[in-house]
Amino acid sequence: MEEKLSSVAKNFTPSPIQELSHLAQRCNAINLAEGFPDFPAPLHIKNAAVSAINSDFNQYRHVQGICDHLATTMKKLHDLDVNPLTDIAICCGQTEAFAAAIFAVIDPGDEVVLFDPSYETYEGCITMAGGVPVYVALDPPQTKAIVLNSPHNPTGKVFSKEELEVIAEACCRWDCLAITDEVYEHITFDDKKHISLASLPGMQKRTIITSSLSKTFSVTGWRIG
């Protein structure tokens, strides 16, 4: 089977997160490799899931109601006017959403700027799309997009408004897209407040936001985003 793999797939390496998780399990050590909350899922979330299963609520469903709710949430949290019919896509997790965003906007040879260290799936998605991940300063003639993860995994850094303004100014000046990973938007410490890059002047039209409910509601094992 290996000889049938694509040239891109042959260059993939095992997941460091998975390797560290297996090592922690074998050594009975505290696993700091995986990003999952240490608090239980809210009772109303668990009850809703049980009720849906017992009610045989298991088939394909339209998700427009979720899109409508998210549009309202984006207005409330970030003062963004989002069209739920055209501006929101529901995916099975942030990783799928990130991959969809990359495949939608990156052509072979396009540069995508990453902040190092970065979450391990970013580089793989960019490479599969034919893009070129770069961990250096923005190069205006070539760079198509910049990936911003805030609150950041694995460091926990929450980018300040001043830092986001620098990034936004660069994106606007050089006409770059921004693809954001805001999975930890509701889990911050030390009174740090998450600010979405899309909420800054000139950025809504050039930003693709990806996020997830699995961290916020402590249901990462459900694999639903």
N, C-alpha and C. Protein backbone atom coordinates (compact mmCIF):
# COMPACT_ATOMS: atom_id res chain seq x y z
N MET A 1 0.82 -1.21 0.00
CA MET A 1 0.00 0.00 0.00
C MET A 1 0.86 1.27 0.00
N GLU A 2 2.02 1.23 0.64
CA GLU A 2 2.83 2.43 0.77
C GLU A 2 3.20 3.03 -0.58
N GLU A 3 3.48 2.16 -1.57
CA GLU A 3 3.89 2.68 -2.87
C GLU A 3 2.74 3.40 -3.58
N LYS A 4 1.51 3.19 -3.13
CA LYS A 4 0.35 3.84 -3.74
C LYS A 4 0.08 5.23 -3.14
N LEU A 5 0.78 5.56 -2.07
CA LEU A 5 0.56 6.85 -1.43
C LEU A 5 1.05 8.00 -2.32
N SER A 6 0.43 9.15 -2.15
CA SER A 6 0.87 10.33 -2.87
C SER A 6 2.22 10.80 -2.33
N SER A 7 2.90 11.63 -3.10
CA SER A 7 4.19 12.15 -2.65
C SER A 7 4.06 12.97 -1.38
N VAL A 8 2.92 13.66 -1.23
CA VAL A 8 2.69 14.46 -0.03
C VAL A 8 2.50 13.54 1.18
N ALA A 9 1.67 12.50 1.02
CA ALA A 9 1.40 11.59 2.14
C ALA A 9 2.66 10.87 2.60
N LYS A 10 3.55 10.55 1.66
CA LYS A 10 4.78 9.84 2.02
C LYS A 10 5.69 10.69 2.92
N ASN A 11 5.53 11.98 2.89
CA ASN A 11 6.37 12.86 3.69
C ASN A 11 5.80 13.16 5.07
N PHE A 12 4.59 12.69 5.33
CA PHE A 12 4.00 12.92 6.65
C PHE A 12 4.73 12.09 7.71
N THR A 13 4.84 12.65 8.89
CA THR A 13 5.48 11.97 10.01
C THR A 13 4.44 11.69 11.10
N PRO A 14 4.70 10.75 11.99
CA PRO A 14 3.74 10.47 13.07
C PRO A 14 3.45 11.71 13.90
N SER A 15 2.26 11.76 14.46
CA SER A 15 1.84 12.89 15.27
C SER A 15 2.64 12.95 16.57
N PRO A 16 3.37 14.05 16.82
CA PRO A 16 4.08 14.19 18.10
C PRO A 16 3.13 14.17 19.29
N ILE A 17 1.94 14.73 19.12
CA ILE A 17 0.96 14.74 20.20
C ILE A 17 0.56 13.31 20.55
N GLN A 18 0.30 12.51 19.53
CA GLN A 18 -0.09 11.12 19.76
C GLN A 18 1.04 10.33 20.40
N GLU A 19 2.27 10.54 19.94
CA GLU A 19 3.41 9.84 20.50
C GLU A 19 3.61 10.18 21.97
N LEU A 20 3.50 11.47 22.31
CA LEU A 20 3.66 11.90 23.70
C LEU A 20 2.52 11.38 24.57
N SER A 21 1.31 11.31 24.00
CA SER A 21 0.17 10.80 24.75
C SER A 21 0.35 9.32 25.07
N HIS A 22 0.82 8.56 24.09
CA HIS A 22 1.09 7.13 24.33
C HIS A 22 2.17 6.95 25.38
N LEU A 23 3.21 7.80 25.31
CA LEU A 23 4.29 7.72 26.28
C LEU A 23 3.79 8.03 27.69
N ALA A 24 2.95 9.05 27.80
CA ALA A 24 2.40 9.40 29.10
C ALA A 24 1.55 8.27 29.67
N GLN A 25 0.80 7.60 28.79
CA GLN A 25 -0.04 6.49 29.23
C GLN A 25 0.81 5.32 29.71
N ARG A 26 1.88 5.02 28.98
CA ARG A 26 2.74 3.89 29.37
C ARG A 26 3.46 4.17 30.69
N CYS A 27 3.79 5.43 30.92
CA CYS A 27 4.55 5.80 32.11
C CYS A 27 3.66 6.25 33.26
N ASN A 28 2.36 6.22 33.05
CA ASN A 28 1.41 6.69 34.06
C ASN A 28 1.75 8.12 34.49
N ALA A 29 2.04 8.95 33.49
CA ALA A 29 2.43 10.34 33.74
C ALA A 29 1.28 11.28 33.39
N ILE A 30 1.34 12.49 33.91
CA ILE A 30 0.36 13.51 33.54
C ILE A 30 0.58 13.90 32.09
N ASN A 31 -0.48 13.84 31.29
CA ASN A 31 -0.39 14.10 29.86
C ASN A 31 -0.61 15.58 29.58
N LEU A 32 0.47 16.28 29.25
CA LEU A 32 0.37 17.69 28.88
C LEU A 32 0.39 17.89 27.37
N ALA A 33 0.35 16.79 26.61
CA ALA A 33 0.45 16.88 25.15
C ALA A 33 -0.89 17.21 24.51
N GLU A 34 -1.97 16.68 25.06
CA GLU A 34 -3.28 16.88 24.46
C GLU A 34 -4.00 18.04 25.13
N GLY A 35 -4.68 18.81 24.30
CA GLY A 35 -5.40 19.97 24.82
C GLY A 35 -6.84 19.64 25.12
N PHE A 36 -7.09 19.12 26.31
CA PHE A 36 -8.48 18.90 26.69
C PHE A 36 -8.72 19.47 28.08
N PRO A 37 -9.90 20.03 28.33
CA PRO A 37 -10.19 20.66 29.62
C PRO A 37 -10.21 19.64 30.75
N ASP A 38 -10.00 20.12 31.97
CA ASP A 38 -10.01 19.24 33.14
C ASP A 38 -11.27 19.43 33.97
N PHE A 39 -12.33 19.98 33.35
CA PHE A 39 -13.60 20.15 34.05
C PHE A 39 -14.67 19.35 33.31
N PRO A 40 -15.72 18.94 34.01
CA PRO A 40 -16.75 18.11 33.37
C PRO A 40 -17.59 18.93 32.39
N ALA A 41 -18.19 18.22 31.44
CA ALA A 41 -19.11 18.89 30.52
C ALA A 41 -20.34 19.38 31.29
N PRO A 42 -20.90 20.52 30.89
CA PRO A 42 -22.10 21.03 31.58
C PRO A 42 -23.24 20.01 31.52
N LEU A 43 -24.01 19.94 32.60
CA LEU A 43 -25.07 18.94 32.70
C LEU A 43 -26.08 19.08 31.57
N HIS A 44 -26.43 20.32 31.19
CA HIS A 44 -27.45 20.49 30.15
C HIS A 44 -26.95 19.99 28.79
N ILE A 45 -25.63 20.04 28.57
CA ILE A 45 -25.07 19.51 27.32
C ILE A 45 -25.18 17.99 27.31
N LYS A 46 -24.82 17.36 28.42
CA LYS A 46 -24.90 15.90 28.50
C LYS A 46 -26.35 15.41 28.41
N ASN A 47 -27.24 16.10 29.10
CA ASN A 47 -28.65 15.70 29.04
C ASN A 47 -29.23 15.84 27.64
N ALA A 48 -28.83 16.90 26.94
CA ALA A 48 -29.32 17.09 25.56
C ALA A 48 -28.83 15.98 24.65
N ALA A 49 -27.57 15.55 24.83
CA ALA A 49 -27.03 14.47 24.01
C ALA A 49 -27.75 13.15 24.29
N VAL A 50 -27.98 12.85 25.56
CA VAL A 50 -28.69 11.62 25.92
C VAL A 50 -30.11 11.65 25.38
N SER A 51 -30.77 12.78 25.50
CA SER A 51 -32.14 12.91 25.00
C SER A 51 -32.20 12.71 23.49
N ALA A 52 -31.22 13.27 22.77
CA ALA A 52 -31.21 13.11 21.31
C ALA A 52 -31.02 11.65 20.92
N ILE A 53 -30.14 10.96 21.62
CA ILE A 53 -29.91 9.53 21.32
C ILE A 53 -31.16 8.72 21.62
N ASN A 54 -31.75 8.94 22.79
CA ASN A 54 -32.95 8.17 23.16
C ASN A 54 -34.14 8.48 22.26
N SER A 55 -34.12 9.65 21.63
CA SER A 55 -35.22 10.05 20.74
C SER A 55 -34.95 9.66 19.29
N ASP A 56 -33.86 8.89 19.07
CA ASP A 56 -33.46 8.48 17.71
C ASP A 56 -33.25 9.69 16.80
N PHE A 57 -32.69 10.71 17.37
CA PHE A 57 -32.38 11.93 16.62
C PHE A 57 -30.99 11.76 16.00
N ASN A 58 -30.90 10.85 15.01
CA ASN A 58 -29.60 10.38 14.56
C ASN A 58 -29.32 10.57 13.07
N GLN A 59 -30.22 11.14 12.33
CA GLN A 59 -30.07 11.20 10.88
C GLN A 59 -29.58 12.57 10.42
N TYR A 60 -29.36 12.70 9.10
CA TYR A 60 -28.92 13.97 8.54
C TYR A 60 -29.87 15.09 8.95
N ARG A 61 -29.31 16.23 9.25
CA ARG A 61 -30.12 17.38 9.62
C ARG A 61 -29.60 18.62 8.93
N HIS A 62 -30.50 19.55 8.66
CA HIS A 62 -30.08 20.88 8.21
C HIS A 62 -29.52 21.64 9.42
N VAL A 63 -28.52 22.46 9.18
CA VAL A 63 -27.85 23.15 10.29
C VAL A 63 -28.09 24.66 10.26
N GLN A 64 -29.09 25.09 9.52
CA GLN A 64 -29.29 26.53 9.40
C GLN A 64 -29.58 27.19 10.74
N GLY A 65 -30.29 26.47 11.61
CA GLY A 65 -30.58 27.03 12.92
C GLY A 65 -29.31 27.31 13.71
N ILE A 66 -28.31 26.43 13.58
CA ILE A 66 -27.03 26.64 14.26
C ILE A 66 -26.33 27.85 13.66
N CYS A 67 -26.39 27.97 12.34
CA CYS A 67 -25.77 29.12 11.67
C CYS A 67 -26.41 30.43 12.14
N ASP A 68 -27.72 30.44 12.27
CA ASP A 68 -28.42 31.64 12.74
C ASP A 68 -27.96 32.00 14.15
N HIS A 69 -27.83 30.98 15.01
CA HIS A 69 -27.41 31.22 16.39
C HIS A 69 -25.97 31.75 16.43
N LEU A 70 -25.09 31.20 15.61
CA LEU A 70 -23.70 31.65 15.58
C LEU A 70 -23.60 33.09 15.08
N ALA A 71 -24.42 33.45 14.13
CA ALA A 71 -24.41 34.83 13.64
C ALA A 71 -24.78 35.80 14.77
N THR A 72 -25.77 35.42 15.56
CA THR A 72 -26.16 36.24 16.70
C THR A 72 -25.02 36.32 17.73
N THR A 73 -24.34 35.19 17.95
CA THR A 73 -23.24 35.15 18.90
C THR A 73 -22.08 36.03 18.44
N MET A 74 -21.74 35.99 17.15
CA MET A 74 -20.65 36.81 16.63
C MET A 74 -20.95 38.30 16.78
N LYS A 75 -22.21 38.67 16.61
CA LYS A 75 -22.61 40.07 16.81
C LYS A 75 -22.47 40.46 18.27
N LYS A 76 -22.89 39.57 19.16
CA LYS A 76 -22.86 39.86 20.59
C LYS A 76 -21.43 39.93 21.12
N LEU A 77 -20.56 38.97 20.70
CA LEU A 77 -19.22 38.89 21.26
C LEU A 77 -18.22 39.82 20.58
N HIS A 78 -18.35 39.99 19.25
CA HIS A 78 -17.32 40.72 18.50
C HIS A 78 -17.86 41.88 17.68
N ASP A 79 -19.17 42.13 17.78
CA ASP A 79 -19.82 43.22 17.03
C ASP A 79 -19.60 43.05 15.52
N LEU A 80 -19.67 41.80 15.06
CA LEU A 80 -19.52 41.49 13.64
C LEU A 80 -20.87 41.17 13.02
N ASP A 81 -21.16 41.79 11.89
CA ASP A 81 -22.38 41.49 11.16
C ASP A 81 -22.09 40.35 10.18
N VAL A 82 -22.59 39.15 10.50
CA VAL A 82 -22.30 37.95 9.72
C VAL A 82 -23.59 37.43 9.11
N ASN A 83 -23.57 37.11 7.81
CA ASN A 83 -24.75 36.56 7.14
C ASN A 83 -24.78 35.05 7.38
N PRO A 84 -25.75 34.55 8.11
CA PRO A 84 -25.78 33.11 8.42
C PRO A 84 -26.01 32.23 7.20
N LEU A 85 -26.51 32.81 6.12
CA LEU A 85 -26.76 32.03 4.90
C LEU A 85 -25.51 31.84 4.05
N THR A 86 -24.55 32.76 4.17
CA THR A 86 -23.39 32.71 3.27
C THR A 86 -22.04 32.71 3.99
N ASP A 87 -22.01 33.10 5.25
CA ASP A 87 -20.72 33.35 5.91
C ASP A 87 -20.33 32.31 6.95
N ILE A 88 -21.16 31.30 7.18
CA ILE A 88 -20.88 30.31 8.22
C ILE A 88 -20.98 28.91 7.64
N ALA A 89 -19.99 28.06 7.96
CA ALA A 89 -20.01 26.64 7.58
C ALA A 89 -19.81 25.80 8.83
N ILE A 90 -20.67 24.81 9.04
CA ILE A 90 -20.56 23.91 10.19
C ILE A 90 -19.73 22.70 9.78
N CYS A 91 -18.67 22.43 10.53
CA CYS A 91 -17.76 21.33 10.22
C CYS A 91 -17.65 20.38 11.41
N CYS A 92 -17.06 19.23 11.18
CA CYS A 92 -16.85 18.26 12.26
C CYS A 92 -15.51 18.55 12.94
N GLY A 93 -15.46 19.63 13.67
CA GLY A 93 -14.25 19.98 14.40
C GLY A 93 -13.46 21.09 13.73
N GLN A 94 -12.61 21.75 14.53
CA GLN A 94 -11.81 22.85 14.00
C GLN A 94 -10.80 22.39 12.97
N THR A 95 -10.28 21.17 13.13
CA THR A 95 -9.28 20.68 12.17
C THR A 95 -9.88 20.58 10.77
N GLU A 96 -11.10 20.08 10.68
CA GLU A 96 -11.76 20.03 9.37
C GLU A 96 -12.03 21.43 8.85
N ALA A 97 -12.46 22.33 9.74
CA ALA A 97 -12.74 23.70 9.32
C ALA A 97 -11.46 24.37 8.81
N PHE A 98 -10.35 24.14 9.52
CA PHE A 98 -9.08 24.73 9.09
C PHE A 98 -8.66 24.18 7.73
N ALA A 99 -8.78 22.86 7.56
CA ALA A 99 -8.41 22.24 6.28
C ALA A 99 -9.29 22.78 5.16
N ALA A 100 -10.59 22.91 5.41
CA ALA A 100 -11.50 23.45 4.39
C ALA A 100 -11.11 24.86 4.01
N ALA A 101 -10.74 25.67 5.01
CA ALA A 101 -10.34 27.05 4.73
C ALA A 101 -9.08 27.09 3.87
N ILE A 102 -8.10 26.24 4.21
CA ILE A 102 -6.85 26.21 3.44
C ILE A 102 -7.11 25.76 2.01
N PHE A 103 -7.87 24.68 1.84
CA PHE A 103 -8.14 24.19 0.48
C PHE A 103 -8.96 25.17 -0.33
N ALA A 104 -9.73 26.02 0.35
CA ALA A 104 -10.57 26.99 -0.35
C ALA A 104 -9.79 28.17 -0.90
N VAL A 105 -8.67 28.53 -0.25
CA VAL A 105 -8.01 29.78 -0.65
C VAL A 105 -6.55 29.62 -1.06
N ILE A 106 -5.93 28.47 -0.81
CA ILE A 106 -4.50 28.32 -1.10
C ILE A 106 -4.29 27.54 -2.39
N ASP A 107 -3.51 28.11 -3.30
CA ASP A 107 -3.12 27.45 -4.54
C ASP A 107 -1.68 26.95 -4.40
N PRO A 108 -1.27 25.99 -5.25
CA PRO A 108 0.12 25.51 -5.20
C PRO A 108 1.12 26.66 -5.31
N GLY A 109 2.06 26.67 -4.39
CA GLY A 109 3.09 27.71 -4.39
C GLY A 109 2.79 28.90 -3.51
N ASP A 110 1.54 29.04 -3.05
CA ASP A 110 1.21 30.16 -2.17
C ASP A 110 1.90 29.99 -0.81
N GLU A 111 2.47 31.07 -0.30
CA GLU A 111 3.06 31.04 1.03
C GLU A 111 2.00 31.29 2.09
N VAL A 112 2.14 30.57 3.20
CA VAL A 112 1.27 30.77 4.36
C VAL A 112 2.15 30.94 5.59
N VAL A 113 2.03 32.07 6.27
CA VAL A 113 2.87 32.37 7.42
C VAL A 113 2.30 31.71 8.67
N LEU A 114 3.19 31.05 9.41
CA LEU A 114 2.83 30.42 10.68
C LEU A 114 3.71 30.97 11.79
N PHE A 115 3.11 31.14 12.96
CA PHE A 115 3.91 31.50 14.14
C PHE A 115 4.42 30.21 14.78
N ASP A 116 5.70 30.19 15.08
CA ASP A 116 6.34 29.00 15.64
C ASP A 116 6.55 29.19 17.14
N PRO A 117 6.10 28.23 18.00
CA PRO A 117 5.52 26.93 17.65
C PRO A 117 4.06 27.07 17.23
N SER A 118 3.60 26.10 16.44
CA SER A 118 2.21 26.11 15.99
C SER A 118 1.62 24.71 16.11
N TYR A 119 0.31 24.64 16.10
CA TYR A 119 -0.39 23.35 16.19
C TYR A 119 -0.01 22.49 15.00
N GLU A 120 0.19 21.19 15.26
CA GLU A 120 0.84 20.33 14.27
C GLU A 120 0.09 20.14 12.96
N THR A 121 -1.24 20.26 12.96
CA THR A 121 -1.98 19.99 11.73
C THR A 121 -1.90 21.11 10.71
N TYR A 122 -1.50 22.32 11.15
CA TYR A 122 -1.46 23.44 10.22
C TYR A 122 -0.56 23.13 9.03
N GLU A 123 0.67 22.72 9.31
CA GLU A 123 1.63 22.52 8.24
C GLU A 123 1.17 21.43 7.29
N GLY A 124 0.60 20.34 7.82
CA GLY A 124 0.14 19.25 6.96
C GLY A 124 -0.96 19.68 6.01
N CYS A 125 -1.91 20.47 6.50
CA CYS A 125 -3.01 20.95 5.64
C CYS A 125 -2.47 21.86 4.54
N ILE A 126 -1.56 22.74 4.92
CA ILE A 126 -0.99 23.67 3.93
C ILE A 126 -0.22 22.89 2.86
N THR A 127 0.56 21.90 3.28
CA THR A 127 1.34 21.10 2.34
C THR A 127 0.44 20.32 1.40
N MET A 128 -0.63 19.73 1.92
CA MET A 128 -1.56 18.97 1.07
C MET A 128 -2.20 19.86 0.01
N ALA A 129 -2.40 21.13 0.35
CA ALA A 129 -2.99 22.06 -0.62
C ALA A 129 -1.97 22.57 -1.63
N GLY A 130 -0.70 22.18 -1.43
CA GLY A 130 0.35 22.65 -2.34
C GLY A 130 0.96 23.96 -1.91
N GLY A 131 0.53 24.45 -0.75
CA GLY A 131 1.08 25.70 -0.25
C GLY A 131 2.44 25.51 0.39
N VAL A 132 3.06 26.62 0.73
CA VAL A 132 4.40 26.60 1.33
C VAL A 132 4.33 27.22 2.71
N PRO A 133 4.40 26.40 3.79
CA PRO A 133 4.40 26.97 5.14
C PRO A 133 5.73 27.65 5.43
N VAL A 134 5.68 28.87 5.94
CA VAL A 134 6.91 29.60 6.27
C VAL A 134 6.82 30.12 7.70
N TYR A 135 7.93 30.00 8.41
CA TYR A 135 7.97 30.42 9.80
C TYR A 135 8.85 31.66 9.95
N VAL A 136 8.74 32.55 8.99
CA VAL A 136 9.59 33.75 8.99
C VAL A 136 8.71 34.99 8.88
N ALA A 137 9.35 36.16 8.85
CA ALA A 137 8.60 37.40 8.73
C ALA A 137 7.83 37.45 7.42
N LEU A 138 6.74 38.17 7.42
CA LEU A 138 5.87 38.27 6.26
C LEU A 138 6.63 38.79 5.04
N ASP A 139 6.42 38.13 3.92
CA ASP A 139 7.06 38.54 2.66
C ASP A 139 5.97 39.02 1.72
N PRO A 140 5.75 40.32 1.63
CA PRO A 140 4.58 40.85 0.93
C PRO A 140 4.40 40.40 -0.51
N PRO A 141 5.45 40.23 -1.35
CA PRO A 141 5.17 39.86 -2.73
C PRO A 141 4.61 38.45 -2.89
N GLN A 142 4.84 37.55 -1.92
CA GLN A 142 4.49 36.15 -2.13
C GLN A 142 3.43 35.63 -1.18
N THR A 143 3.33 36.16 0.00
CA THR A 143 2.49 35.56 1.03
C THR A 143 1.01 35.75 0.72
N LYS A 144 0.26 34.62 0.74
CA LYS A 144 -1.17 34.64 0.46
C LYS A 144 -1.99 34.76 1.74
N ALA A 145 -1.52 34.11 2.81
CA ALA A 145 -2.31 34.08 4.04
C ALA A 145 -1.41 33.96 5.25
N ILE A 146 -1.96 34.37 6.38
CA ILE A 146 -1.28 34.21 7.66
C ILE A 146 -2.22 33.45 8.60
N VAL A 147 -1.67 32.50 9.35
CA VAL A 147 -2.46 31.72 10.31
C VAL A 147 -2.22 32.28 11.70
N LEU A 148 -3.29 32.65 12.38
CA LEU A 148 -3.19 33.19 13.73
C LEU A 148 -3.99 32.32 14.69
N ASN A 149 -3.32 31.78 15.68
CA ASN A 149 -3.95 30.95 16.71
C ASN A 149 -3.90 31.72 18.04
N SER A 150 -5.05 32.23 18.44
CA SER A 150 -5.13 32.98 19.70
C SER A 150 -6.51 32.78 20.31
N PRO A 151 -6.56 32.36 21.60
CA PRO A 151 -5.48 31.95 22.48
C PRO A 151 -4.66 30.81 21.89
N HIS A 152 -3.34 30.87 22.12
CA HIS A 152 -2.40 30.05 21.38
C HIS A 152 -2.19 28.66 21.99
N ASN A 153 -2.11 27.67 21.10
CA ASN A 153 -1.75 26.30 21.47
C ASN A 153 -0.40 26.00 20.83
N PRO A 154 0.67 25.72 21.58
CA PRO A 154 0.65 25.22 22.96
C PRO A 154 1.02 26.22 24.04
N THR A 155 1.34 27.47 23.72
CA THR A 155 1.93 28.35 24.74
C THR A 155 0.90 28.99 25.66
N GLY A 156 -0.35 29.09 25.21
CA GLY A 156 -1.38 29.75 26.01
C GLY A 156 -1.43 31.25 25.83
N LYS A 157 -0.58 31.79 24.97
CA LYS A 157 -0.55 33.24 24.77
C LYS A 157 -1.86 33.75 24.18
N VAL A 158 -2.34 34.84 24.74
CA VAL A 158 -3.50 35.55 24.19
C VAL A 158 -2.98 36.84 23.56
N PHE A 159 -3.11 36.97 22.26
CA PHE A 159 -2.60 38.16 21.57
C PHE A 159 -3.38 39.40 22.02
N SER A 160 -2.64 40.45 22.34
CA SER A 160 -3.26 41.70 22.80
C SER A 160 -3.83 42.47 21.61
N LYS A 161 -4.65 43.46 21.92
CA LYS A 161 -5.22 44.29 20.86
C LYS A 161 -4.12 44.99 20.08
N GLU A 162 -3.09 45.45 20.78
CA GLU A 162 -1.98 46.13 20.11
C GLU A 162 -1.26 45.18 19.14
N GLU A 163 -1.03 43.95 19.55
CA GLU A 163 -0.38 42.97 18.67
C GLU A 163 -1.27 42.64 17.48
N LEU A 164 -2.56 42.50 17.73
CA LEU A 164 -3.49 42.20 16.64
C LEU A 164 -3.56 43.35 15.65
N GLU A 165 -3.46 44.57 16.14
CA GLU A 165 -3.48 45.73 15.25
C GLU A 165 -2.28 45.73 14.31
N VAL A 166 -1.12 45.29 14.80
CA VAL A 166 0.07 45.18 13.94
C VAL A 166 -0.17 44.14 12.84
N ILE A 167 -0.74 42.99 13.23
CA ILE A 167 -1.01 41.93 12.26
C ILE A 167 -2.06 42.40 11.25
N ALA A 168 -3.10 43.05 11.74
CA ALA A 168 -4.17 43.52 10.85
C ALA A 168 -3.64 44.55 9.86
N GLU A 169 -2.79 45.45 10.34
CA GLU A 169 -2.23 46.46 9.46
C GLU A 169 -1.40 45.83 8.35
N ALA A 170 -0.62 44.79 8.71
CA ALA A 170 0.20 44.10 7.71
C ALA A 170 -0.68 43.38 6.69
N CYS A 171 -1.74 42.73 7.17
CA CYS A 171 -2.64 42.02 6.26
C CYS A 171 -3.31 42.98 5.28
N CYS A 172 -3.74 44.13 5.78
CA CYS A 172 -4.40 45.11 4.92
C CYS A 172 -3.42 45.73 3.93
N ARG A 173 -2.21 46.02 4.41
CA ARG A 173 -1.22 46.67 3.54
C ARG A 173 -0.78 45.74 2.41
N TRP A 174 -0.62 44.46 2.72
CA TRP A 174 -0.10 43.51 1.74
C TRP A 174 -1.20 42.63 1.14
N ASP A 175 -2.47 42.93 1.48
CA ASP A 175 -3.62 42.22 0.92
C ASP A 175 -3.53 40.72 1.20
N CYS A 176 -3.24 40.37 2.45
CA CYS A 176 -3.16 38.96 2.86
C CYS A 176 -4.46 38.53 3.53
N LEU A 177 -4.79 37.27 3.37
CA LEU A 177 -5.89 36.69 4.13
C LEU A 177 -5.38 36.30 5.51
N ALA A 178 -6.29 36.21 6.47
CA ALA A 178 -5.97 35.69 7.80
C ALA A 178 -6.90 34.51 8.08
N ILE A 179 -6.33 33.39 8.48
CA ILE A 179 -7.10 32.22 8.89
C ILE A 179 -6.84 32.03 10.38
N THR A 180 -7.87 32.20 11.19
CA THR A 180 -7.67 32.17 12.63
C THR A 180 -8.20 30.88 13.25
N ASP A 181 -7.50 30.44 14.29
CA ASP A 181 -7.92 29.30 15.11
C ASP A 181 -8.25 29.88 16.47
N GLU A 182 -9.55 29.93 16.81
CA GLU A 182 -10.01 30.55 18.05
C GLU A 182 -10.69 29.54 18.97
N VAL A 183 -10.18 28.30 18.94
CA VAL A 183 -10.78 27.21 19.70
C VAL A 183 -10.84 27.51 21.20
N TYR A 184 -9.82 28.18 21.72
CA TYR A 184 -9.77 28.43 23.16
C TYR A 184 -10.30 29.83 23.52
N GLU A 185 -11.17 30.37 22.70
CA GLU A 185 -11.62 31.76 22.88
C GLU A 185 -12.27 32.00 24.24
N HIS A 186 -12.90 30.98 24.83
CA HIS A 186 -13.60 31.16 26.10
C HIS A 186 -12.81 30.60 27.29
N ILE A 187 -11.58 30.14 27.04
CA ILE A 187 -10.76 29.59 28.14
C ILE A 187 -9.49 30.42 28.24
N THR A 188 -9.56 31.48 29.01
CA THR A 188 -8.40 32.36 29.21
C THR A 188 -8.21 32.59 30.71
N PHE A 189 -7.03 33.05 31.07
CA PHE A 189 -6.70 33.23 32.48
C PHE A 189 -6.11 34.62 32.72
N ASP A 190 -5.94 34.97 34.00
CA ASP A 190 -5.31 36.24 34.40
C ASP A 190 -6.02 37.44 33.78
N ASP A 191 -7.34 37.36 33.67
CA ASP A 191 -8.15 38.46 33.15
C ASP A 191 -7.81 38.83 31.70
N LYS A 192 -7.16 37.91 30.99
CA LYS A 192 -6.90 38.14 29.57
C LYS A 192 -8.20 38.00 28.79
N LYS A 193 -8.44 38.90 27.86
CA LYS A 193 -9.67 38.86 27.05
C LYS A 193 -9.32 38.53 25.61
N HIS A 194 -10.03 37.53 25.07
CA HIS A 194 -9.82 37.18 23.67
C HIS A 194 -10.47 38.21 22.76
N ILE A 195 -9.73 38.65 21.76
CA ILE A 195 -10.24 39.56 20.74
C ILE A 195 -10.07 38.88 19.39
N SER A 196 -11.13 38.77 18.65
CA SER A 196 -11.04 38.16 17.32
C SER A 196 -10.39 39.14 16.34
N LEU A 197 -9.44 38.65 15.58
CA LEU A 197 -8.77 39.49 14.58
C LEU A 197 -9.78 40.08 13.60
N ALA A 198 -10.85 39.34 13.32
CA ALA A 198 -11.85 39.81 12.36
C ALA A 198 -12.57 41.06 12.83
N SER A 199 -12.54 41.34 14.14
CA SER A 199 -13.26 42.50 14.67
C SER A 199 -12.51 43.80 14.47
N LEU A 200 -11.24 43.73 14.03
CA LEU A 200 -10.46 44.95 13.82
C LEU A 200 -10.81 45.58 12.47
N PRO A 201 -10.64 46.89 12.34
CA PRO A 201 -11.00 47.58 11.09
C PRO A 201 -10.34 46.95 9.86
N GLY A 202 -11.16 46.70 8.84
CA GLY A 202 -10.67 46.18 7.57
C GLY A 202 -10.43 44.68 7.54
N MET A 203 -10.67 43.96 8.66
CA MET A 203 -10.28 42.55 8.72
C MET A 203 -11.43 41.57 8.51
N GLN A 204 -12.67 41.97 8.69
CA GLN A 204 -13.75 41.00 8.56
C GLN A 204 -13.80 40.40 7.16
N LYS A 205 -13.57 41.21 6.14
CA LYS A 205 -13.68 40.73 4.77
C LYS A 205 -12.50 39.87 4.35
N ARG A 206 -11.42 39.85 5.14
CA ARG A 206 -10.24 39.08 4.75
C ARG A 206 -9.89 38.02 5.80
N THR A 207 -10.81 37.72 6.73
CA THR A 207 -10.53 36.76 7.80
C THR A 207 -11.48 35.57 7.72
N ILE A 208 -10.92 34.36 7.85
CA ILE A 208 -11.70 33.14 7.99
C ILE A 208 -11.49 32.66 9.42
N ILE A 209 -12.55 32.65 10.21
CA ILE A 209 -12.47 32.22 11.61
C ILE A 209 -12.80 30.74 11.70
N THR A 210 -11.95 29.97 12.39
CA THR A 210 -12.30 28.59 12.71
C THR A 210 -12.31 28.47 14.23
N SER A 211 -13.31 27.73 14.75
CA SER A 211 -13.41 27.54 16.19
C SER A 211 -14.10 26.21 16.46
N SER A 212 -14.44 25.96 17.71
CA SER A 212 -14.98 24.66 18.09
C SER A 212 -15.67 24.77 19.43
N LEU A 213 -16.66 23.89 19.65
CA LEU A 213 -17.33 23.87 20.95
C LEU A 213 -16.74 22.84 21.90
N SER A 214 -15.83 21.98 21.38
CA SER A 214 -15.38 20.84 22.18
C SER A 214 -14.53 21.25 23.38
N LYS A 215 -13.74 22.31 23.25
CA LYS A 215 -12.95 22.77 24.38
C LYS A 215 -13.83 23.54 25.38
N THR A 216 -14.66 24.43 24.86
CA THR A 216 -15.50 25.26 25.72
C THR A 216 -16.40 24.41 26.61
N PHE A 217 -16.97 23.33 26.04
CA PHE A 217 -17.92 22.50 26.78
C PHE A 217 -17.32 21.18 27.25
N SER A 218 -15.99 21.04 27.11
CA SER A 218 -15.27 19.86 27.61
C SER A 218 -15.85 18.56 27.06
N VAL A 219 -15.99 18.50 25.73
CA VAL A 219 -16.49 17.29 25.07
C VAL A 219 -15.58 16.92 23.89
N THR A 220 -14.27 16.99 24.09
CA THR A 220 -13.35 16.72 22.99
C THR A 220 -13.49 15.31 22.44
N GLY A 221 -13.88 14.36 23.29
CA GLY A 221 -14.01 12.97 22.83
C GLY A 221 -15.22 12.72 21.96
N TRP A 222 -16.15 13.66 21.90
CA TRP A 222 -17.32 13.48 21.05
C TRP A 222 -16.98 13.63 19.58
N ARG A 223 -15.86 14.30 19.28
CA ARG A 223 -15.38 14.51 17.91
C ARG A 223 -16.41 15.18 17.01
N ILE A 224 -17.08 16.17 17.55
CA ILE A 224 -18.08 16.90 16.75
C ILE A 224 -17.71 18.36 16.57
N GLY A 225 -16.53 18.76 17.05
CA GLY A 225 -16.14 20.16 16.88
C GLY A 225 -16.31 20.91 18.12
